[in-house]
Amino acid sequence: MILKNADLPIVAFSHLEATGFKLGQFEPVQRDTVVLIPARLIKSKKVIRVYAGHVHKHQEVGKVNVVGSSIHVDFGEADDPKGMILAEV
């Protein structure tokens, strides 16, 4: 990846997981592998926020924000609030 302006802060978007997040009731049985956000991306001082998917429940840990699903995917999510995030960059 080539950055046009290396002085600008970085906001990253991914469909990966990060450590420290709670899975939904049925999510552990729906997976056979976990692909994590690289730790060096999260630790980088240039990265100001990482938005991630793949986990259905909205959560924030440090500078990583798991967006969550916008609709209920299974019955285990019946009581989880759903919505979206508007990120202005």
PDB file of N, CA and C in Angstrom:
ATOM      1  N   MET A   1       0.845  -1.170   0.000  1.00  0.00           N
ATOM      2  CA  MET A   1       0.000   0.000   0.000  1.00  0.00           C
ATOM      3  C   MET A   1       0.892   1.236   0.000  1.00  0.00           C
ATOM      4  N   ILE A   2       0.592   2.181  -0.842  1.00  0.00           N
ATOM      5  CA  ILE A   2       1.354   3.419  -0.915  1.00  0.00           C
ATOM      6  C   ILE A   2       0.479   4.554  -0.386  1.00  0.00           C
ATOM      7  N   LEU A   3       1.000   5.259   0.607  1.00  0.00           N
ATOM      8  CA  LEU A   3       0.277   6.393   1.166  1.00  0.00           C
ATOM      9  C   LEU A   3       0.716   7.658   0.456  1.00  0.00           C
ATOM     10  N   LYS A   4      -0.246   8.441  -0.029  1.00  0.00           N
ATOM     11  CA  LYS A   4       0.091   9.685  -0.720  1.00  0.00           C
ATOM     12  C   LYS A   4       0.666  10.712   0.240  1.00  0.00           C
ATOM     13  N   ASN A   5       0.179  10.724   1.467  1.00  0.00           N
ATOM     14  CA  ASN A   5       0.679  11.663   2.463  1.00  0.00           C
ATOM     15  C   ASN A   5       0.963  10.885   3.745  1.00  0.00           C
ATOM     16  N   ALA A   6       2.219  10.558   3.948  1.00  0.00           N
ATOM     17  CA  ALA A   6       2.606   9.722   5.085  1.00  0.00           C
ATOM     18  C   ALA A   6       2.402  10.419   6.424  1.00  0.00           C
ATOM     19  N   ASP A   7       2.136  11.730   6.426  1.00  0.00           N
ATOM     20  CA  ASP A   7       1.944  12.471   7.673  1.00  0.00           C
ATOM     21  C   ASP A   7       0.506  12.390   8.196  1.00  0.00           C
ATOM     22  N   LEU A   8      -0.419  11.942   7.369  1.00  0.00           N
ATOM     23  CA  LEU A   8      -1.812  11.864   7.783  1.00  0.00           C
ATOM     24  C   LEU A   8      -2.041  10.678   8.717  1.00  0.00           C
ATOM     25  N   PRO A   9      -2.950  10.814   9.687  1.00  0.00           N
ATOM     26  CA  PRO A   9      -3.292   9.663  10.530  1.00  0.00           C
ATOM     27  C   PRO A   9      -4.031   8.613   9.708  1.00  0.00           C
ATOM     28  N   ILE A  10      -4.041   7.401  10.211  1.00  0.00           N
ATOM     29  CA  ILE A  10      -4.645   6.283   9.484  1.00  0.00           C
ATOM     30  C   ILE A  10      -5.890   5.789  10.209  1.00  0.00           C
ATOM     31  N   VAL A  11      -6.959   5.599   9.454  1.00  0.00           N
ATOM     32  CA  VAL A  11      -8.174   4.931   9.926  1.00  0.00           C
ATOM     33  C   VAL A  11      -8.282   3.662   9.091  1.00  0.00           C
ATOM     34  N   ALA A  12      -8.313   2.502   9.746  1.00  0.00           N
ATOM     35  CA  ALA A  12      -8.317   1.225   9.036  1.00  0.00           C
ATOM     36  C   ALA A  12      -9.697   0.574   9.125  1.00  0.00           C
ATOM     37  N   PHE A  13     -10.092  -0.107   8.052  1.00  0.00           N
ATOM     38  CA  PHE A  13     -11.342  -0.851   7.989  1.00  0.00           C
ATOM     39  C   PHE A  13     -11.012  -2.286   7.623  1.00  0.00           C
ATOM     40  N   SER A  14     -11.632  -3.253   8.318  1.00  0.00           N
ATOM     41  CA  SER A  14     -11.338  -4.652   8.022  1.00  0.00           C
ATOM     42  C   SER A  14     -12.532  -5.529   8.372  1.00  0.00           C
ATOM     43  N   HIS A  15     -12.484  -6.734   7.873  1.00  0.00           N
ATOM     44  CA  HIS A  15     -13.474  -7.737   8.257  1.00  0.00           C
ATOM     45  C   HIS A  15     -12.745  -8.834   9.028  1.00  0.00           C
ATOM     46  N   LEU A  16     -11.926  -8.388   9.983  1.00  0.00           N
ATOM     47  CA  LEU A  16     -11.119  -9.287  10.795  1.00  0.00           C
ATOM     48  C   LEU A  16     -11.542  -9.178  12.248  1.00  0.00           C
ATOM     49  N   GLU A  17     -10.971 -10.015  13.090  1.00  0.00           N
ATOM     50  CA  GLU A  17     -11.269  -9.983  14.515  1.00  0.00           C
ATOM     51  C   GLU A  17     -10.076  -9.445  15.283  1.00  0.00           C
ATOM     52  N   ALA A  18     -10.316  -9.034  16.512  1.00  0.00           N
ATOM     53  CA  ALA A  18      -9.254  -8.585  17.413  1.00  0.00           C
ATOM     54  C   ALA A  18      -9.429  -9.314  18.737  1.00  0.00           C
ATOM     55  N   THR A  19      -8.360  -9.436  19.475  1.00  0.00           N
ATOM     56  CA  THR A  19      -8.453 -10.094  20.773  1.00  0.00           C
ATOM     57  C   THR A  19      -9.153  -9.187  21.766  1.00  0.00           C
ATOM     58  N   GLY A  20      -9.786  -9.779  22.761  1.00  0.00           N
ATOM     59  CA  GLY A  20     -10.432  -9.016  23.816  1.00  0.00           C
ATOM     60  C   GLY A  20     -11.907  -8.738  23.585  1.00  0.00           C
ATOM     61  N   PHE A  21     -12.473  -9.244  22.515  1.00  0.00           N
ATOM     62  CA  PHE A  21     -13.885  -9.021  22.220  1.00  0.00           C
ATOM     63  C   PHE A  21     -14.699 -10.272  22.531  1.00  0.00           C
ATOM     64  N   LYS A  22     -15.952 -10.064  22.909  1.00  0.00           N
ATOM     65  CA  LYS A  22     -16.841 -11.178  23.237  1.00  0.00           C
ATOM     66  C   LYS A  22     -17.621 -11.586  22.005  1.00  0.00           C
ATOM     67  N   LEU A  23     -17.671 -12.888  21.778  1.00  0.00           N
ATOM     68  CA  LEU A  23     -18.461 -13.417  20.669  1.00  0.00           C
ATOM     69  C   LEU A  23     -19.906 -13.576  21.096  1.00  0.00           C
ATOM     70  N   GLY A  24     -20.798 -13.580  20.122  1.00  0.00           N
ATOM     71  CA  GLY A  24     -22.201 -13.843  20.395  1.00  0.00           C
ATOM     72  C   GLY A  24     -22.405 -15.292  20.793  1.00  0.00           C
ATOM     73  N   GLN A  25     -23.614 -15.618  21.196  1.00  0.00           N
ATOM     74  CA  GLN A  25     -23.938 -16.954  21.708  1.00  0.00           C
ATOM     75  C   GLN A  25     -23.584 -18.070  20.727  1.00  0.00           C
ATOM     76  N   PHE A  26     -23.883 -17.885  19.443  1.00  0.00           N
ATOM     77  CA  PHE A  26     -23.678 -18.951  18.470  1.00  0.00           C
ATOM     78  C   PHE A  26     -22.417 -18.770  17.629  1.00  0.00           C
ATOM     79  N   GLU A  27     -21.716 -17.648  17.761  1.00  0.00           N
ATOM     80  CA  GLU A  27     -20.558 -17.390  16.910  1.00  0.00           C
ATOM     81  C   GLU A  27     -19.415 -18.390  17.062  1.00  0.00           C
ATOM     82  N   PRO A  28     -19.077 -18.861  18.278  1.00  0.00           N
ATOM     83  CA  PRO A  28     -17.958 -19.807  18.368  1.00  0.00           C
ATOM     84  C   PRO A  28     -18.152 -21.078  17.535  1.00  0.00           C
ATOM     85  N   VAL A  29     -19.374 -21.552  17.407  1.00  0.00           N
ATOM     86  CA  VAL A  29     -19.610 -22.772  16.638  1.00  0.00           C
ATOM     87  C   VAL A  29     -19.709 -22.507  15.138  1.00  0.00           C
ATOM     88  N   GLN A  30     -19.778 -21.230  14.742  1.00  0.00           N
ATOM     89  CA  GLN A  30     -19.872 -20.890  13.323  1.00  0.00           C
ATOM     90  C   GLN A  30     -18.495 -20.691  12.696  1.00  0.00           C
ATOM     91  N   ARG A  31     -17.432 -20.831  13.466  1.00  0.00           N
ATOM     92  CA  ARG A  31     -16.087 -20.559  12.974  1.00  0.00           C
ATOM     93  C   ARG A  31     -15.219 -21.808  13.006  1.00  0.00           C
ATOM     94  N   ASP A  32     -14.333 -21.913  12.025  1.00  0.00           N
ATOM     95  CA  ASP A  32     -13.306 -22.951  12.084  1.00  0.00           C
ATOM     96  C   ASP A  32     -11.918 -22.317  12.123  1.00  0.00           C
ATOM     97  N   THR A  33     -11.833 -21.028  11.942  1.00  0.00           N
ATOM     98  CA  THR A  33     -10.564 -20.320  12.022  1.00  0.00           C
ATOM     99  C   THR A  33     -10.825 -18.864  12.385  1.00  0.00           C
ATOM    100  N   VAL A  34      -9.837 -18.233  12.963  1.00  0.00           N
ATOM    101  CA  VAL A  34      -9.942 -16.831  13.326  1.00  0.00           C
ATOM    102  C   VAL A  34      -8.773 -16.093  12.695  1.00  0.00           C
ATOM    103  N   VAL A  35      -9.064 -15.036  11.971  1.00  0.00           N
ATOM    104  CA  VAL A  35      -8.027 -14.204  11.378  1.00  0.00           C
ATOM    105  C   VAL A  35      -8.058 -12.875  12.123  1.00  0.00           C
ATOM    106  N   LEU A  36      -6.964 -12.576  12.823  1.00  0.00           N
ATOM    107  CA  LEU A  36      -6.908 -11.398  13.676  1.00  0.00           C
ATOM    108  C   LEU A  36      -6.328 -10.182  12.965  1.00  0.00           C
ATOM    109  N   ILE A  37      -6.757  -9.013  13.409  1.00  0.00           N
ATOM    110  CA  ILE A  37      -6.139  -7.770  12.967  1.00  0.00           C
ATOM    111  C   ILE A  37      -4.681  -7.821  13.432  1.00  0.00           C
ATOM    112  N   PRO A  38      -3.730  -7.519  12.565  1.00  0.00           N
ATOM    113  CA  PRO A  38      -2.328  -7.562  12.994  1.00  0.00           C
ATOM    114  C   PRO A  38      -2.067  -6.628  14.182  1.00  0.00           C
ATOM    115  N   ALA A  39      -1.387  -7.137  15.186  1.00  0.00           N
ATOM    116  CA  ALA A  39      -1.113  -6.347  16.393  1.00  0.00           C
ATOM    117  C   ALA A  39      -0.334  -5.077  16.068  1.00  0.00           C
ATOM    118  N   ARG A  40       0.555  -5.142  15.094  1.00  0.00           N
ATOM    119  CA  ARG A  40       1.344  -3.940  14.763  1.00  0.00           C
ATOM    120  C   ARG A  40       0.464  -2.827  14.209  1.00  0.00           C
ATOM    121  N   LEU A  41      -0.643  -3.171  13.574  1.00  0.00           N
ATOM    122  CA  LEU A  41      -1.585  -2.151  13.098  1.00  0.00           C
ATOM    123  C   LEU A  41      -2.248  -1.466  14.285  1.00  0.00           C
ATOM    124  N   ILE A  42      -2.688  -2.253  15.256  1.00  0.00           N
ATOM    125  CA  ILE A  42      -3.359  -1.701  16.432  1.00  0.00           C
ATOM    126  C   ILE A  42      -2.389  -0.870  17.265  1.00  0.00           C
ATOM    127  N   LYS A  43      -1.140  -1.303  17.364  1.00  0.00           N
ATOM    128  CA  LYS A  43      -0.145  -0.604  18.191  1.00  0.00           C
ATOM    129  C   LYS A  43       0.453   0.626  17.519  1.00  0.00           C
ATOM    130  N   SER A  44       0.290   0.751  16.225  1.00  0.00           N
ATOM    131  CA  SER A  44       0.889   1.872  15.494  1.00  0.00           C
ATOM    132  C   SER A  44       0.348   3.216  15.988  1.00  0.00           C
ATOM    133  N   LYS A  45       1.239   4.164  16.229  1.00  0.00           N
ATOM    134  CA  LYS A  45       0.839   5.503  16.669  1.00  0.00           C
ATOM    135  C   LYS A  45       0.158   6.277  15.549  1.00  0.00           C
ATOM    136  N   LYS A  46       0.406   5.906  14.296  1.00  0.00           N
ATOM    137  CA  LYS A  46      -0.235   6.574  13.157  1.00  0.00           C
ATOM    138  C   LYS A  46      -1.704   6.166  13.015  1.00  0.00           C
ATOM    139  N   VAL A  47      -2.035   4.956  13.472  1.00  0.00           N
ATOM    140  CA  VAL A  47      -3.413   4.456  13.358  1.00  0.00           C
ATOM    141  C   VAL A  47      -4.231   5.037  14.508  1.00  0.00           C
ATOM    142  N   ILE A  48      -5.253   5.820  14.159  1.00  0.00           N
ATOM    143  CA  ILE A  48      -6.070   6.453  15.204  1.00  0.00           C
ATOM    144  C   ILE A  48      -7.336   5.652  15.516  1.00  0.00           C
ATOM    145  N   ARG A  49      -7.791   4.816  14.582  1.00  0.00           N
ATOM    146  CA  ARG A  49      -9.000   4.024  14.811  1.00  0.00           C
ATOM    147  C   ARG A  49      -9.012   2.870  13.827  1.00  0.00           C
ATOM    148  N   VAL A  50      -9.443   1.699  14.318  1.00  0.00           N
ATOM    149  CA  VAL A  50      -9.626   0.531  13.467  1.00  0.00           C
ATOM    150  C   VAL A  50     -11.087   0.119  13.590  1.00  0.00           C
ATOM    151  N   TYR A  51     -11.775   0.038  12.466  1.00  0.00           N
ATOM    152  CA  TYR A  51     -13.149  -0.453  12.436  1.00  0.00           C
ATOM    153  C   TYR A  51     -13.111  -1.879  11.904  1.00  0.00           C
ATOM    154  N   ALA A  52     -13.692  -2.809  12.654  1.00  0.00           N
ATOM    155  CA  ALA A  52     -13.621  -4.212  12.282  1.00  0.00           C
ATOM    156  C   ALA A  52     -15.012  -4.821  12.207  1.00  0.00           C
ATOM    157  N   GLY A  53     -15.111  -5.896  11.481  1.00  0.00           N
ATOM    158  CA  GLY A  53     -16.365  -6.634  11.370  1.00  0.00           C
ATOM    159  C   GLY A  53     -16.161  -8.062  11.825  1.00  0.00           C
ATOM    160  N   HIS A  54     -16.991  -8.943  11.370  1.00  0.00           N
ATOM    161  CA  HIS A  54     -16.934 -10.383  11.588  1.00  0.00           C
ATOM    162  C   HIS A  54     -17.532 -10.811  12.925  1.00  0.00           C
ATOM    163  N   VAL A  55     -17.466  -9.993  13.955  1.00  0.00           N
ATOM    164  CA  VAL A  55     -18.153 -10.289  15.206  1.00  0.00           C
ATOM    165  C   VAL A  55     -19.466  -9.510  15.159  1.00  0.00           C
ATOM    166  N   HIS A  56     -20.555 -10.134  15.512  1.00  0.00           N
ATOM    167  CA  HIS A  56     -21.869  -9.523  15.322  1.00  0.00           C
ATOM    168  C   HIS A  56     -22.259  -8.507  16.372  1.00  0.00           C
ATOM    169  N   LYS A  57     -21.622  -8.511  17.532  1.00  0.00           N
ATOM    170  CA  LYS A  57     -22.019  -7.635  18.627  1.00  0.00           C
ATOM    171  C   LYS A  57     -21.141  -6.377  18.655  1.00  0.00           C
ATOM    172  N   HIS A  58     -21.761  -5.196  18.636  1.00  0.00           N
ATOM    173  CA  HIS A  58     -21.008  -3.938  18.660  1.00  0.00           C
ATOM    174  C   HIS A  58     -20.239  -3.808  19.968  1.00  0.00           C
ATOM    175  N   GLN A  59     -18.930  -3.506  19.855  1.00  0.00           N
ATOM    176  CA  GLN A  59     -18.058  -3.367  21.022  1.00  0.00           C
ATOM    177  C   GLN A  59     -16.908  -2.429  20.684  1.00  0.00           C
ATOM    178  N   GLU A  60     -16.312  -1.854  21.720  1.00  0.00           N
ATOM    179  CA  GLU A  60     -15.102  -1.050  21.569  1.00  0.00           C
ATOM    180  C   GLU A  60     -14.074  -1.485  22.596  1.00  0.00           C
ATOM    181  N   VAL A  61     -12.852  -1.704  22.152  1.00  0.00           N
ATOM    182  CA  VAL A  61     -11.730  -1.992  23.038  1.00  0.00           C
ATOM    183  C   VAL A  61     -10.562  -1.158  22.520  1.00  0.00           C
ATOM    184  N   GLY A  62     -10.141  -0.191  23.311  1.00  0.00           N
ATOM    185  CA  GLY A  62      -9.057   0.686  22.868  1.00  0.00           C
ATOM    186  C   GLY A  62      -9.447   1.429  21.613  1.00  0.00           C
ATOM    187  N   LYS A  63      -8.577   1.401  20.621  1.00  0.00           N
ATOM    188  CA  LYS A  63      -8.878   2.111  19.373  1.00  0.00           C
ATOM    189  C   LYS A  63      -9.543   1.225  18.327  1.00  0.00           C
ATOM    190  N   VAL A  64      -9.920  -0.001  18.730  1.00  0.00           N
ATOM    191  CA  VAL A  64     -10.615  -0.905  17.816  1.00  0.00           C
ATOM    192  C   VAL A  64     -12.108  -0.880  18.119  1.00  0.00           C
ATOM    193  N   ASN A  65     -12.903  -0.646  17.097  1.00  0.00           N
ATOM    194  CA  ASN A  65     -14.355  -0.603  17.210  1.00  0.00           C
ATOM    195  C   ASN A  65     -14.920  -1.707  16.332  1.00  0.00           C
ATOM    196  N   VAL A  66     -15.531  -2.714  16.954  1.00  0.00           N
ATOM    197  CA  VAL A  66     -16.205  -3.765  16.188  1.00  0.00           C
ATOM    198  C   VAL A  66     -17.600  -3.247  15.865  1.00  0.00           C
ATOM    199  N   VAL A  67     -17.852  -3.103  14.594  1.00  0.00           N
ATOM    200  CA  VAL A  67     -19.093  -2.488  14.136  1.00  0.00           C
ATOM    201  C   VAL A  67     -20.314  -3.315  14.516  1.00  0.00           C
ATOM    202  N   GLY A  68     -20.216  -4.628  14.427  1.00  0.00           N
ATOM    203  CA  GLY A  68     -21.361  -5.490  14.700  1.00  0.00           C
ATOM    204  C   GLY A  68     -22.263  -5.590  13.485  1.00  0.00           C
ATOM    205  N   SER A  69     -23.250  -6.454  13.553  1.00  0.00           N
ATOM    206  CA  SER A  69     -24.168  -6.594  12.422  1.00  0.00           C
ATOM    207  C   SER A  69     -25.318  -5.612  12.571  1.00  0.00           C
ATOM    208  N   SER A  70     -25.860  -5.197  11.443  1.00  0.00           N
ATOM    209  CA  SER A  70     -26.957  -4.230  11.469  1.00  0.00           C
ATOM    210  C   SER A  70     -28.315  -4.909  11.622  1.00  0.00           C
ATOM    211  N   ILE A  71     -28.351  -6.227  11.461  1.00  0.00           N
ATOM    212  CA  ILE A  71     -29.597  -6.987  11.626  1.00  0.00           C
ATOM    213  C   ILE A  71     -29.312  -8.201  12.504  1.00  0.00           C
ATOM    214  N   HIS A  72     -30.340  -8.777  13.083  1.00  0.00           N
ATOM    215  CA  HIS A  72     -30.185  -9.984  13.883  1.00  0.00           C
ATOM    216  C   HIS A  72     -29.912 -11.158  12.951  1.00  0.00           C
ATOM    217  N   VAL A  73     -28.787 -11.833  13.179  1.00  0.00           N
ATOM    218  CA  VAL A  73     -28.386 -12.939  12.314  1.00  0.00           C
ATOM    219  C   VAL A  73     -28.873 -14.274  12.871  1.00  0.00           C
ATOM    220  N   ASP A  74     -28.957 -14.387  14.190  1.00  0.00           N
ATOM    221  CA  ASP A  74     -29.454 -15.624  14.789  1.00  0.00           C
ATOM    222  C   ASP A  74     -30.233 -15.284  16.066  1.00  0.00           C
ATOM    223  N   PHE A  75     -30.884 -16.284  16.656  1.00  0.00           N
ATOM    224  CA  PHE A  75     -31.732 -16.054  17.823  1.00  0.00           C
ATOM    225  C   PHE A  75     -30.933 -15.599  19.043  1.00  0.00           C
ATOM    226  N   GLY A  76     -29.649 -15.925  19.101  1.00  0.00           N
ATOM    227  CA  GLY A  76     -28.810 -15.496  20.204  1.00  0.00           C
ATOM    228  C   GLY A  76     -28.598 -13.990  20.240  1.00  0.00           C
ATOM    229  N   GLU A  77     -28.910 -13.316  19.147  1.00  0.00           N
ATOM    230  CA  GLU A  77     -28.744 -11.863  19.058  1.00  0.00           C
ATOM    231  C   GLU A  77     -30.048 -11.107  19.287  1.00  0.00           C
ATOM    232  N   ALA A  78     -31.088 -11.794  19.695  1.00  0.00           N
ATOM    233  CA  ALA A  78     -32.414 -11.183  19.813  1.00  0.00           C
ATOM    234  C   ALA A  78     -32.432  -9.951  20.709  1.00  0.00           C
ATOM    235  N   ASP A  79     -31.630  -9.943  21.772  1.00  0.00           N
ATOM    236  CA  ASP A  79     -31.635  -8.805  22.700  1.00  0.00           C
ATOM    237  C   ASP A  79     -30.503  -7.806  22.446  1.00  0.00           C
ATOM    238  N   ASP A  80     -29.648  -8.074  21.455  1.00  0.00           N
ATOM    239  CA  ASP A  80     -28.547  -7.157  21.147  1.00  0.00           C
ATOM    240  C   ASP A  80     -29.071  -5.944  20.381  1.00  0.00           C
ATOM    241  N   PRO A  81     -28.733  -4.737  20.831  1.00  0.00           N
ATOM    242  CA  PRO A  81     -29.120  -3.561  20.057  1.00  0.00           C
ATOM    243  C   PRO A  81     -28.376  -3.543  18.711  1.00  0.00           C
ATOM    244  N   LYS A  82     -29.047  -3.150  17.672  1.00  0.00           N
ATOM    245  CA  LYS A  82     -28.464  -3.102  16.324  1.00  0.00           C
ATOM    246  C   LYS A  82     -28.458  -1.657  15.844  1.00  0.00           C
ATOM    247  N   GLY A  83     -27.579  -1.375  14.929  1.00  0.00           N
ATOM    248  CA  GLY A  83     -27.491  -0.023  14.392  1.00  0.00           C
ATOM    249  C   GLY A  83     -26.343   0.077  13.404  1.00  0.00           C
ATOM    250  N   MET A  84     -25.767   1.270  13.320  1.00  0.00           N
ATOM    251  CA  MET A  84     -24.645   1.484  12.416  1.00  0.00           C
ATOM    252  C   MET A  84     -23.760   2.588  12.974  1.00  0.00           C
ATOM    253  N   ILE A  85     -22.603   2.740  12.391  1.00  0.00           N
ATOM    254  CA  ILE A  85     -21.662   3.768  12.797  1.00  0.00           C
ATOM    255  C   ILE A  85     -21.426   4.678  11.607  1.00  0.00           C
ATOM    256  N   LEU A  86     -21.507   5.958  11.825  1.00  0.00           N
ATOM    257  CA  LEU A  86     -21.173   6.926  10.788  1.00  0.00           C
ATOM    258  C   LEU A  86     -19.821   7.510  11.154  1.00  0.00           C
ATOM    259  N   ALA A  87     -18.823   7.220  10.330  1.00  0.00           N
ATOM    260  CA  ALA A  87     -17.464   7.694  10.582  1.00  0.00           C
ATOM    261  C   ALA A  87     -17.144   8.795   9.583  1.00  0.00           C
ATOM    262  N   GLU A  88     -16.929   9.973  10.066  1.00  0.00           N
ATOM    263  CA  GLU A  88     -16.574  11.081   9.175  1.00  0.00           C
ATOM    264  C   GLU A  88     -15.055  11.243   9.186  1.00  0.00           C
ATOM    265  N   VAL A  89     -14.448  11.139   7.999  1.00  0.00           N
ATOM    266  CA  VAL A  89     -12.993  11.281   7.897  1.00  0.00           C
ATOM    267  C   VAL A  89     -12.624  12.431   6.978  1.00  0.00           C
TER     268      VAL A  89
END
